[in-house]
């Protein structure tokens, strides 16, 4: 809600579900943005009885000339609808508002109450899209830059696994393997780094590591940096390079070379895996190709 002043916050939102059963709006400005969004075609579902004690605290909606019994009444006034006493649906210019006089927790505390909620969202979605049917799945999938985040539920509409394809670093595996496909089974999650979405693949860089990387130095045939992380922990990192390095030098800040270093090269992804014991003072890595 604090981001509603930014134009793109609601740009791609077709159906918005909200409640004041817990958090309350800090200012009137958020309601102005919400009402404008609805009037321009947005579909809003408001859930709540507005009966918790914090609805009546001394706040902007009941002070300085305002006399609303709950903050939602201010929103409804901007939408030109009378504060409803029961479940109702309102057409507001190009948009639609559904008012559900139930606190959200009731959807799970009352037997089969979730079906009413699902049916409501389905109706709202089809109202918003005019033609698209609401689809149901057993997974949650997000992309954030190069990261793929997946969770597959084991009590849902199916028991199917979810497949992610690409050049993927499995960040939940200590060895950071590179996979072409990751099958996420029901009841499990995955956090993946998709190398295919790196903007500049020619730029040597640390893609994943259990350390803070500083002092990076890049030359035509070499790449070096310092990795800092707590003592008595093992570092696991994968590094993007132009080619398999001819020389790998891992040493302490005092110049003592580490003898127990695990390394392997993956030609398909052009990445080097390194594993070694961490130091809070820093471990210097020098790679030459």
C-alpha atoms as a PDB file:
ATOM      1  CA  UNK A   1       0.000   0.000   0.000  1.00  0.00           C
ATOM      2  CA  UNK A   2       2.908   2.346   0.697  1.00  0.00           C
ATOM      3  CA  UNK A   3       3.905   1.948  -2.971  1.00  0.00           C
ATOM      4  CA  UNK A   4       0.571   2.970  -4.494  1.00  0.00           C
ATOM      5  CA  UNK A   5       1.894   6.427  -5.297  1.00  0.00           C
ATOM      6  CA  UNK A   6       4.152   4.814  -7.908  1.00  0.00           C
ATOM      7  CA  UNK A   7       2.328   4.486 -11.217  1.00  0.00           C
ATOM      8  CA  UNK A   8       3.556   0.967 -12.023  1.00  0.00           C
ATOM      9  CA  UNK A   9       2.462  -0.567  -8.686  1.00  0.00           C
ATOM     10  CA  UNK A  10      -1.032  -1.416  -9.959  1.00  0.00           C
ATOM     11  CA  UNK A  11      -0.192  -1.379 -13.669  1.00  0.00           C
ATOM     12  CA  UNK A  12      -0.424  -5.149 -14.224  1.00  0.00           C
ATOM     13  CA  UNK A  13      -2.821  -5.991 -11.381  1.00  0.00           C
ATOM     14  CA  UNK A  14      -6.238  -7.185 -12.620  1.00  0.00           C
ATOM     15  CA  UNK A  15      -7.770  -8.245  -9.294  1.00  0.00           C
ATOM     16  CA  UNK A  16      -6.704  -6.846  -5.919  1.00  0.00           C
ATOM     17  CA  UNK A  17      -7.740  -8.472  -2.616  1.00  0.00           C
ATOM     18  CA  UNK A  18      -7.419  -6.369   0.530  1.00  0.00           C
ATOM     19  CA  UNK A  19      -8.481  -6.162   4.168  1.00  0.00           C
ATOM     20  CA  UNK A  20      -8.084  -3.851   7.155  1.00  0.00           C
ATOM     21  CA  UNK A  21      -8.571  -6.687   9.654  1.00  0.00           C
ATOM     22  CA  UNK A  22      -4.940  -6.166  10.679  1.00  0.00           C
ATOM     23  CA  UNK A  23      -2.936  -3.350   9.120  1.00  0.00           C
ATOM     24  CA  UNK A  24      -4.541   0.060   8.635  1.00  0.00           C
ATOM     25  CA  UNK A  25      -3.819   2.725   5.983  1.00  0.00           C
ATOM     26  CA  UNK A  26      -1.423   5.447   7.092  1.00  0.00           C
ATOM     27  CA  UNK A  27      -2.900   8.240   4.974  1.00  0.00           C
ATOM     28  CA  UNK A  28      -5.830   9.105   2.731  1.00  0.00           C
ATOM     29  CA  UNK A  29      -3.576   9.131  -0.337  1.00  0.00           C
ATOM     30  CA  UNK A  30      -3.618   5.345  -0.742  1.00  0.00           C
ATOM     31  CA  UNK A  31      -7.402   5.403  -1.053  1.00  0.00           C
ATOM     32  CA  UNK A  32      -7.231   8.020  -3.800  1.00  0.00           C
ATOM     33  CA  UNK A  33      -4.925   5.790  -5.833  1.00  0.00           C
ATOM     34  CA  UNK A  34      -7.099   2.716  -5.208  1.00  0.00           C
ATOM     35  CA  UNK A  35     -10.330   4.477  -6.171  1.00  0.00           C
ATOM     36  CA  UNK A  36      -8.786   5.821  -9.385  1.00  0.00           C
ATOM     37  CA  UNK A  37      -7.537   2.330 -10.251  1.00  0.00           C
ATOM     38  CA  UNK A  38     -11.012   0.836  -9.752  1.00  0.00           C
ATOM     39  CA  UNK A  39     -12.707   3.574 -11.782  1.00  0.00           C
ATOM     40  CA  UNK A  40     -10.307   2.847 -14.651  1.00  0.00           C
ATOM     41  CA  UNK A  41     -11.231  -0.849 -14.740  1.00  0.00           C
ATOM     42  CA  UNK A  42      -9.670  -2.502 -11.693  1.00  0.00           C
ATOM     43  CA  UNK A  43     -11.533  -5.198  -9.749  1.00  0.00           C
ATOM     44  CA  UNK A  44     -11.285  -4.876  -5.964  1.00  0.00           C
ATOM     45  CA  UNK A  45     -12.255  -7.455  -3.337  1.00  0.00           C
ATOM     46  CA  UNK A  46     -12.531  -5.999   0.176  1.00  0.00           C
ATOM     47  CA  UNK A  47     -12.765  -8.584   2.981  1.00  0.00           C
ATOM     48  CA  UNK A  48     -13.521  -7.647   6.580  1.00  0.00           C
ATOM     49  CA  UNK A  49     -16.104  -6.928   9.238  1.00  0.00           C
ATOM     50  CA  UNK A  50     -14.080  -3.900  10.434  1.00  0.00           C
ATOM     51  CA  UNK A  51     -14.834  -4.865  14.028  1.00  0.00           C
ATOM     52  CA  UNK A  52     -11.376  -5.080  15.618  1.00  0.00           C
ATOM     53  CA  UNK A  53     -10.555  -2.522  18.366  1.00  0.00           C
ATOM     54  CA  UNK A  54      -7.993  -0.709  16.220  1.00  0.00           C
ATOM     55  CA  UNK A  55     -10.706   0.518  13.852  1.00  0.00           C
ATOM     56  CA  UNK A  56     -11.738   3.052  16.498  1.00  0.00           C
ATOM     57  CA  UNK A  57      -8.368   4.391  17.648  1.00  0.00           C
ATOM     58  CA  UNK A  58      -7.799   8.134  17.245  1.00  0.00           C
ATOM     59  CA  UNK A  59      -6.592   8.306  13.646  1.00  0.00           C
ATOM     60  CA  UNK A  60      -7.018  10.298  10.466  1.00  0.00           C
ATOM     61  CA  UNK A  61     -10.347   8.672   9.538  1.00  0.00           C
ATOM     62  CA  UNK A  62     -12.071   9.896  12.743  1.00  0.00           C
ATOM     63  CA  UNK A  63     -10.224  13.181  13.494  1.00  0.00           C
ATOM     64  CA  UNK A  64      -9.642  16.599  11.882  1.00  0.00           C
ATOM     65  CA  UNK A  65     -13.113  16.802  10.411  1.00  0.00           C
ATOM     66  CA  UNK A  66     -13.406  13.136   9.435  1.00  0.00           C
ATOM     67  CA  UNK A  67     -16.041  11.035  11.172  1.00  0.00           C
ATOM     68  CA  UNK A  68     -15.683   7.613   9.561  1.00  0.00           C
ATOM     69  CA  UNK A  69     -16.197   4.653  11.887  1.00  0.00           C
ATOM     70  CA  UNK A  70     -13.572   2.652   9.989  1.00  0.00           C
ATOM     71  CA  UNK A  71     -10.944   3.516   7.354  1.00  0.00           C
ATOM     72  CA  UNK A  72     -12.780   1.396   4.773  1.00  0.00           C
ATOM     73  CA  UNK A  73     -15.705   3.842   4.918  1.00  0.00           C
ATOM     74  CA  UNK A  74     -13.414   6.561   3.546  1.00  0.00           C
ATOM     75  CA  UNK A  75     -12.451   4.294   0.629  1.00  0.00           C
ATOM     76  CA  UNK A  76     -16.099   3.444  -0.037  1.00  0.00           C
ATOM     77  CA  UNK A  77     -17.005   7.137  -0.044  1.00  0.00           C
ATOM     78  CA  UNK A  78     -14.447   7.821  -2.783  1.00  0.00           C
ATOM     79  CA  UNK A  79     -15.958   4.950  -4.763  1.00  0.00           C
ATOM     80  CA  UNK A  80     -19.437   6.475  -4.268  1.00  0.00           C
ATOM     81  CA  UNK A  81     -20.860   3.404  -2.585  1.00  0.00           C
ATOM     82  CA  UNK A  82     -22.744   3.351   0.696  1.00  0.00           C
ATOM     83  CA  UNK A  83     -20.957   1.439   3.431  1.00  0.00           C
ATOM     84  CA  UNK A  84     -22.471  -2.033   2.916  1.00  0.00           C
ATOM     85  CA  UNK A  85     -24.028  -4.093   5.700  1.00  0.00           C
ATOM     86  CA  UNK A  86     -23.831  -7.405   3.817  1.00  0.00           C
ATOM     87  CA  UNK A  87     -21.951  -9.092   1.006  1.00  0.00           C
ATOM     88  CA  UNK A  88     -22.454  -6.946  -2.067  1.00  0.00           C
ATOM     89  CA  UNK A  89     -21.063  -6.315  -5.530  1.00  0.00           C
ATOM     90  CA  UNK A  90     -20.828  -2.793  -6.951  1.00  0.00           C
ATOM     91  CA  UNK A  91     -20.111  -1.525 -10.437  1.00  0.00           C
ATOM     92  CA  UNK A  92     -17.971   1.602 -10.148  1.00  0.00           C
ATOM     93  CA  UNK A  93     -17.498   3.292 -13.532  1.00  0.00           C
ATOM     94  CA  UNK A  94     -15.266   0.857 -15.499  1.00  0.00           C
ATOM     95  CA  UNK A  95     -14.415  -1.261 -12.444  1.00  0.00           C
ATOM     96  CA  UNK A  96     -16.051  -3.569  -9.913  1.00  0.00           C
ATOM     97  CA  UNK A  97     -15.918  -3.732  -6.105  1.00  0.00           C
ATOM     98  CA  UNK A  98     -16.807  -6.848  -4.125  1.00  0.00           C
ATOM     99  CA  UNK A  99     -17.422  -6.322  -0.415  1.00  0.00           C
ATOM    100  CA  UNK A 100     -17.227  -9.450   1.756  1.00  0.00           C
ATOM    101  CA  UNK A 101     -18.337  -8.920   5.350  1.00  0.00           C
ATOM    102  CA  UNK A 102     -16.019 -11.607   6.700  1.00  0.00           C
ATOM    103  CA  UNK A 103     -12.643 -11.369   8.371  1.00  0.00           C
ATOM    104  CA  UNK A 104     -10.064 -13.282   6.295  1.00  0.00           C
ATOM    105  CA  UNK A 105      -9.317 -15.764   9.105  1.00  0.00           C
ATOM    106  CA  UNK A 106     -12.888 -17.051   8.837  1.00  0.00           C
ATOM    107  CA  UNK A 107     -12.083 -18.580   5.462  1.00  0.00           C
ATOM    108  CA  UNK A 108      -9.917 -21.185   7.219  1.00  0.00           C
ATOM    109  CA  UNK A 109     -11.522 -21.326  10.667  1.00  0.00           C
ATOM    110  CA  UNK A 110     -14.937 -22.326   9.310  1.00  0.00           C
ATOM    111  CA  UNK A 111     -15.420 -25.619   7.497  1.00  0.00           C
ATOM    112  CA  UNK A 112     -15.669 -25.274   3.695  1.00  0.00           C
ATOM    113  CA  UNK A 113     -15.592 -21.463   3.921  1.00  0.00           C
ATOM    114  CA  UNK A 114     -12.619 -21.480   1.562  1.00  0.00           C
ATOM    115  CA  UNK A 115     -14.847 -22.567  -1.345  1.00  0.00           C
ATOM    116  CA  UNK A 116     -16.870 -19.370  -1.110  1.00  0.00           C
ATOM    117  CA  UNK A 117     -13.632 -17.371  -1.197  1.00  0.00           C
ATOM    118  CA  UNK A 118     -12.308 -19.296  -4.225  1.00  0.00           C
ATOM    119  CA  UNK A 119     -15.598 -18.861  -6.083  1.00  0.00           C
ATOM    120  CA  UNK A 120     -15.486 -15.146  -5.340  1.00  0.00           C
ATOM    121  CA  UNK A 121     -11.959 -14.745  -6.703  1.00  0.00           C
ATOM    122  CA  UNK A 122     -12.922 -16.794  -9.775  1.00  0.00           C
ATOM    123  CA  UNK A 123     -15.892 -14.507 -10.448  1.00  0.00           C
ATOM    124  CA  UNK A 124     -13.738 -11.409  -9.908  1.00  0.00           C
ATOM    125  CA  UNK A 125     -11.040 -12.672 -12.277  1.00  0.00           C
ATOM    126  CA  UNK A 126     -13.505 -13.451 -15.037  1.00  0.00           C
ATOM    127  CA  UNK A 127     -15.078 -10.034 -14.503  1.00  0.00           C
ATOM    128  CA  UNK A 128     -11.678  -8.392 -14.863  1.00  0.00           C
ATOM    129  CA  UNK A 129     -10.505 -10.321 -17.931  1.00  0.00           C
ATOM    130  CA  UNK A 130     -13.915 -10.780 -19.631  1.00  0.00           C
ATOM    131  CA  UNK A 131     -12.747 -14.015 -21.272  1.00  0.00           C
ATOM    132  CA  UNK A 132      -9.884 -15.706 -19.402  1.00  0.00           C
ATOM    133  CA  UNK A 133     -10.746 -18.594 -17.083  1.00  0.00           C
ATOM    134  CA  UNK A 134      -9.061 -18.738 -13.696  1.00  0.00           C
ATOM    135  CA  UNK A 135      -6.479 -21.524 -13.755  1.00  0.00           C
ATOM    136  CA  UNK A 136      -5.532 -23.638 -10.761  1.00  0.00           C
ATOM    137  CA  UNK A 137      -2.128 -25.204 -10.132  1.00  0.00           C
ATOM    138  CA  UNK A 138      -0.214 -26.939  -7.368  1.00  0.00           C
ATOM    139  CA  UNK A 139       2.827 -24.653  -7.536  1.00  0.00           C
ATOM    140  CA  UNK A 140       4.040 -21.118  -6.888  1.00  0.00           C
ATOM    141  CA  UNK A 141       6.643 -19.825  -9.367  1.00  0.00           C
ATOM    142  CA  UNK A 142       8.412 -16.456  -9.353  1.00  0.00           C
ATOM    143  CA  UNK A 143      11.159 -14.964 -11.504  1.00  0.00           C
ATOM    144  CA  UNK A 144      13.294 -12.202 -10.005  1.00  0.00           C
ATOM    145  CA  UNK A 145      16.096 -11.195 -12.364  1.00  0.00           C
ATOM    146  CA  UNK A 146      18.188 -14.364 -12.862  1.00  0.00           C
ATOM    147  CA  UNK A 147      16.518 -16.154  -9.924  1.00  0.00           C
ATOM    148  CA  UNK A 148      13.738 -18.751 -10.244  1.00  0.00           C
ATOM    149  CA  UNK A 149      11.842 -19.474  -7.031  1.00  0.00           C
ATOM    150  CA  UNK A 150       9.572 -22.524  -6.942  1.00  0.00           C
ATOM    151  CA  UNK A 151       7.377 -24.191  -4.334  1.00  0.00           C
ATOM    152  CA  UNK A 152       5.228 -27.211  -5.178  1.00  0.00           C
ATOM    153  CA  UNK A 153       2.398 -28.020  -2.773  1.00  0.00           C
ATOM    154  CA  UNK A 154       1.589 -31.573  -1.708  1.00  0.00           C
ATOM    155  CA  UNK A 155      -2.085 -30.932  -0.839  1.00  0.00           C
ATOM    156  CA  UNK A 156      -3.472 -29.300  -3.951  1.00  0.00           C
ATOM    157  CA  UNK A 157      -5.192 -29.908  -7.274  1.00  0.00           C
ATOM    158  CA  UNK A 158      -2.601 -32.482  -8.401  1.00  0.00           C
ATOM    159  CA  UNK A 159       0.547 -34.358  -7.374  1.00  0.00           C
ATOM    160  CA  UNK A 160       2.527 -33.359 -10.448  1.00  0.00           C
ATOM    161  CA  UNK A 161       6.128 -32.177 -10.231  1.00  0.00           C
ATOM    162  CA  UNK A 162       7.066 -28.763 -11.660  1.00  0.00           C
ATOM    163  CA  UNK A 163       9.831 -28.562 -14.253  1.00  0.00           C
ATOM    164  CA  UNK A 164      12.215 -25.636 -14.772  1.00  0.00           C
ATOM    165  CA  UNK A 165      14.450 -25.693 -17.868  1.00  0.00           C
ATOM    166  CA  UNK A 166      17.547 -23.680 -18.674  1.00  0.00           C
ATOM    167  CA  UNK A 167      21.152 -23.402 -17.539  1.00  0.00           C
ATOM    168  CA  UNK A 168      20.469 -23.515 -13.815  1.00  0.00           C
ATOM    169  CA  UNK A 169      22.573 -23.331 -10.663  1.00  0.00           C
ATOM    170  CA  UNK A 170      20.829 -25.225  -7.867  1.00  0.00           C
ATOM    171  CA  UNK A 171      21.341 -22.864  -4.915  1.00  0.00           C
ATOM    172  CA  UNK A 172      19.865 -25.331  -2.396  1.00  0.00           C
ATOM    173  CA  UNK A 173      22.597 -27.886  -3.203  1.00  0.00           C
ATOM    174  CA  UNK A 174      25.899 -27.221  -1.328  1.00  0.00           C
ATOM    175  CA  UNK A 175      27.887 -28.188  -4.438  1.00  0.00           C
ATOM    176  CA  UNK A 176      26.000 -25.642  -6.604  1.00  0.00           C
ATOM    177  CA  UNK A 177      25.578 -28.048  -9.543  1.00  0.00           C
ATOM    178  CA  UNK A 178      24.632 -26.750 -12.994  1.00  0.00           C
ATOM    179  CA  UNK A 179      21.483 -28.408 -14.345  1.00  0.00           C
ATOM    180  CA  UNK A 180      19.623 -28.276 -17.656  1.00  0.00           C
ATOM    181  CA  UNK A 181      16.373 -29.218 -15.917  1.00  0.00           C
ATOM    182  CA  UNK A 182      15.168 -29.099 -12.326  1.00  0.00           C
ATOM    183  CA  UNK A 183      12.189 -31.219 -11.315  1.00  0.00           C
ATOM    184  CA  UNK A 184      10.592 -29.854  -8.145  1.00  0.00           C
ATOM    185  CA  UNK A 185       8.514 -32.518  -6.410  1.00  0.00           C
ATOM    186  CA  UNK A 186       5.357 -31.880  -4.329  1.00  0.00           C
ATOM    187  CA  UNK A 187       6.211 -30.789  -0.811  1.00  0.00           C
ATOM    188  CA  UNK A 188       9.577 -29.311  -1.850  1.00  0.00           C
ATOM    189  CA  UNK A 189      11.009 -25.963  -2.955  1.00  0.00           C
ATOM    190  CA  UNK A 190      13.792 -24.794  -5.253  1.00  0.00           C
ATOM    191  CA  UNK A 191      15.898 -21.663  -5.532  1.00  0.00           C
ATOM    192  CA  UNK A 192      17.693 -21.516  -8.886  1.00  0.00           C
ATOM    193  CA  UNK A 193      20.056 -19.098 -10.629  1.00  0.00           C
ATOM    194  CA  UNK A 194      19.299 -19.043 -14.350  1.00  0.00           C
ATOM    195  CA  UNK A 195      22.556 -18.336 -16.158  1.00  0.00           C
ATOM    196  CA  UNK A 196      20.678 -17.849 -19.432  1.00  0.00           C
ATOM    197  CA  UNK A 197      19.299 -14.553 -18.096  1.00  0.00           C
ATOM    198  CA  UNK A 198      22.687 -12.983 -17.325  1.00  0.00           C
ATOM    199  CA  UNK A 199      22.873  -9.686 -19.218  1.00  0.00           C
ATOM    200  CA  UNK A 200      26.627  -9.784 -19.989  1.00  0.00           C
ATOM    201  CA  UNK A 201      27.919 -13.355 -20.142  1.00  0.00           C
ATOM    202  CA  UNK A 202      31.352 -12.174 -21.259  1.00  0.00           C
ATOM    203  CA  UNK A 203      31.903 -10.431 -17.926  1.00  0.00           C
ATOM    204  CA  UNK A 204      33.727 -12.683 -15.410  1.00  0.00           C
ATOM    205  CA  UNK A 205      31.771 -12.623 -12.160  1.00  0.00           C
ATOM    206  CA  UNK A 206      30.886 -14.585  -9.050  1.00  0.00           C
ATOM    207  CA  UNK A 207      27.352 -15.879  -9.568  1.00  0.00           C
ATOM    208  CA  UNK A 208      26.797 -17.641  -6.253  1.00  0.00           C
ATOM    209  CA  UNK A 209      28.819 -17.865  -3.066  1.00  0.00           C
ATOM    210  CA  UNK A 210      28.686 -18.196   0.709  1.00  0.00           C
ATOM    211  CA  UNK A 211      30.818 -15.065   1.181  1.00  0.00           C
ATOM    212  CA  UNK A 212      31.056 -11.314   0.688  1.00  0.00           C
ATOM    213  CA  UNK A 213      33.069 -10.505  -2.445  1.00  0.00           C
ATOM    214  CA  UNK A 214      35.337  -7.428  -2.497  1.00  0.00           C
ATOM    215  CA  UNK A 215      38.428  -6.089  -4.282  1.00  0.00           C
ATOM    216  CA  UNK A 216      37.502  -7.509  -7.685  1.00  0.00           C
ATOM    217  CA  UNK A 217      40.214  -7.036 -10.331  1.00  0.00           C
ATOM    218  CA  UNK A 218      39.717  -7.945 -13.963  1.00  0.00           C
ATOM    219  CA  UNK A 219      42.376  -8.101 -16.651  1.00  0.00           C
ATOM    220  CA  UNK A 220      42.391  -9.547 -20.162  1.00  0.00           C
ATOM    221  CA  UNK A 221      43.491 -12.990 -18.985  1.00  0.00           C
ATOM    222  CA  UNK A 222      42.820 -12.938 -15.246  1.00  0.00           C
ATOM    223  CA  UNK A 223      40.192 -12.325 -12.580  1.00  0.00           C
ATOM    224  CA  UNK A 224      40.831 -11.939  -8.856  1.00  0.00           C
ATOM    225  CA  UNK A 225      38.838 -11.039  -5.743  1.00  0.00           C
ATOM    226  CA  UNK A 226      38.676 -11.468  -1.966  1.00  0.00           C
ATOM    227  CA  UNK A 227      35.986 -13.587  -0.287  1.00  0.00           C
ATOM    228  CA  UNK A 228      35.123 -12.968   3.390  1.00  0.00           C
ATOM    229  CA  UNK A 229      32.930 -15.221   5.499  1.00  0.00           C
ATOM    230  CA  UNK A 230      32.806 -16.552   9.091  1.00  0.00           C
ATOM    231  CA  UNK A 231      35.465 -18.909  10.416  1.00  0.00           C
ATOM    232  CA  UNK A 232      34.664 -22.636  10.656  1.00  0.00           C
ATOM    233  CA  UNK A 233      32.394 -22.480   7.611  1.00  0.00           C
ATOM    234  CA  UNK A 234      32.980 -23.884   4.129  1.00  0.00           C
ATOM    235  CA  UNK A 235      32.718 -21.651   1.084  1.00  0.00           C
ATOM    236  CA  UNK A 236      30.947 -22.925  -1.998  1.00  0.00           C
ATOM    237  CA  UNK A 237      31.010 -20.688  -5.079  1.00  0.00           C
ATOM    238  CA  UNK A 238      30.371 -20.761  -8.796  1.00  0.00           C
ATOM    239  CA  UNK A 239      32.164 -18.264 -11.026  1.00  0.00           C
ATOM    240  CA  UNK A 240      31.445 -17.273 -14.630  1.00  0.00           C
ATOM    241  CA  UNK A 241      34.631 -17.164 -16.760  1.00  0.00           C
ATOM    242  CA  UNK A 242      35.471 -16.940 -20.492  1.00  0.00           C
ATOM    243  CA  UNK A 243      37.192 -20.341 -20.389  1.00  0.00           C
ATOM    244  CA  UNK A 244      38.562 -23.024 -18.109  1.00  0.00           C
ATOM    245  CA  UNK A 245      41.321 -21.370 -16.057  1.00  0.00           C
ATOM    246  CA  UNK A 246      44.871 -22.673 -16.484  1.00  0.00           C
ATOM    247  CA  UNK A 247      45.815 -21.570 -12.972  1.00  0.00           C
ATOM    248  CA  UNK A 248      43.762 -21.368  -9.767  1.00  0.00           C
ATOM    249  CA  UNK A 249      45.455 -19.780  -6.766  1.00  0.00           C
ATOM    250  CA  UNK A 250      43.611 -19.612  -3.432  1.00  0.00           C
ATOM    251  CA  UNK A 251      45.461 -18.073  -0.484  1.00  0.00           C
ATOM    252  CA  UNK A 252      44.949 -16.255   2.791  1.00  0.00           C
ATOM    253  CA  UNK A 253      45.431 -12.501   3.136  1.00  0.00           C
ATOM    254  CA  UNK A 254      48.846 -13.282   4.638  1.00  0.00           C
ATOM    255  CA  UNK A 255      49.825 -15.124   1.456  1.00  0.00           C
ATOM    256  CA  UNK A 256      49.535 -18.716   2.693  1.00  0.00           C
ATOM    257  CA  UNK A 257      48.255 -20.906  -0.133  1.00  0.00           C
ATOM    258  CA  UNK A 258      45.312 -23.190   0.684  1.00  0.00           C
ATOM    259  CA  UNK A 259      46.069 -26.787  -0.219  1.00  0.00           C
ATOM    260  CA  UNK A 260      42.569 -28.203   0.243  1.00  0.00           C
ATOM    261  CA  UNK A 261      40.576 -26.573  -2.538  1.00  0.00           C
ATOM    262  CA  UNK A 262      37.780 -28.345  -4.386  1.00  0.00           C
ATOM    263  CA  UNK A 263      37.409 -27.211  -8.010  1.00  0.00           C
ATOM    264  CA  UNK A 264      35.603 -28.329 -11.149  1.00  0.00           C
ATOM    265  CA  UNK A 265      34.809 -26.785 -14.530  1.00  0.00           C
ATOM    266  CA  UNK A 266      31.448 -26.911 -16.322  1.00  0.00           C
ATOM    267  CA  UNK A 267      31.979 -26.297 -20.028  1.00  0.00           C
ATOM    268  CA  UNK A 268      28.317 -25.857 -20.949  1.00  0.00           C
ATOM    269  CA  UNK A 269      27.758 -22.960 -18.534  1.00  0.00           C
ATOM    270  CA  UNK A 270      31.343 -21.668 -18.628  1.00  0.00           C
ATOM    271  CA  UNK A 271      31.454 -21.687 -14.837  1.00  0.00           C
ATOM    272  CA  UNK A 272      34.037 -22.776 -12.289  1.00  0.00           C
ATOM    273  CA  UNK A 273      33.115 -24.353  -8.964  1.00  0.00           C
ATOM    274  CA  UNK A 274      35.368 -23.634  -5.973  1.00  0.00           C
ATOM    275  CA  UNK A 275      35.102 -24.967  -2.430  1.00  0.00           C
ATOM    276  CA  UNK A 276      37.400 -24.044   0.483  1.00  0.00           C
ATOM    277  CA  UNK A 277      37.386 -23.105   4.164  1.00  0.00           C
ATOM    278  CA  UNK A 278      36.320 -19.539   4.889  1.00  0.00           C
ATOM    279  CA  UNK A 279      38.111 -16.814   6.799  1.00  0.00           C
ATOM    280  CA  UNK A 280      36.657 -13.582   8.206  1.00  0.00           C
ATOM    281  CA  UNK A 281      39.930 -11.865   7.275  1.00  0.00           C
ATOM    282  CA  UNK A 282      39.425 -12.874   3.668  1.00  0.00           C
ATOM    283  CA  UNK A 283      40.565 -15.462   1.157  1.00  0.00           C
ATOM    284  CA  UNK A 284      42.165 -14.190  -2.040  1.00  0.00           C
ATOM    285  CA  UNK A 285      41.283 -16.001  -5.268  1.00  0.00           C
ATOM    286  CA  UNK A 286      43.344 -15.527  -8.454  1.00  0.00           C
ATOM    287  CA  UNK A 287      42.178 -17.118 -11.704  1.00  0.00           C
ATOM    288  CA  UNK A 288      44.245 -17.071 -14.923  1.00  0.00           C
ATOM    289  CA  UNK A 289      43.284 -18.440 -18.354  1.00  0.00           C
END
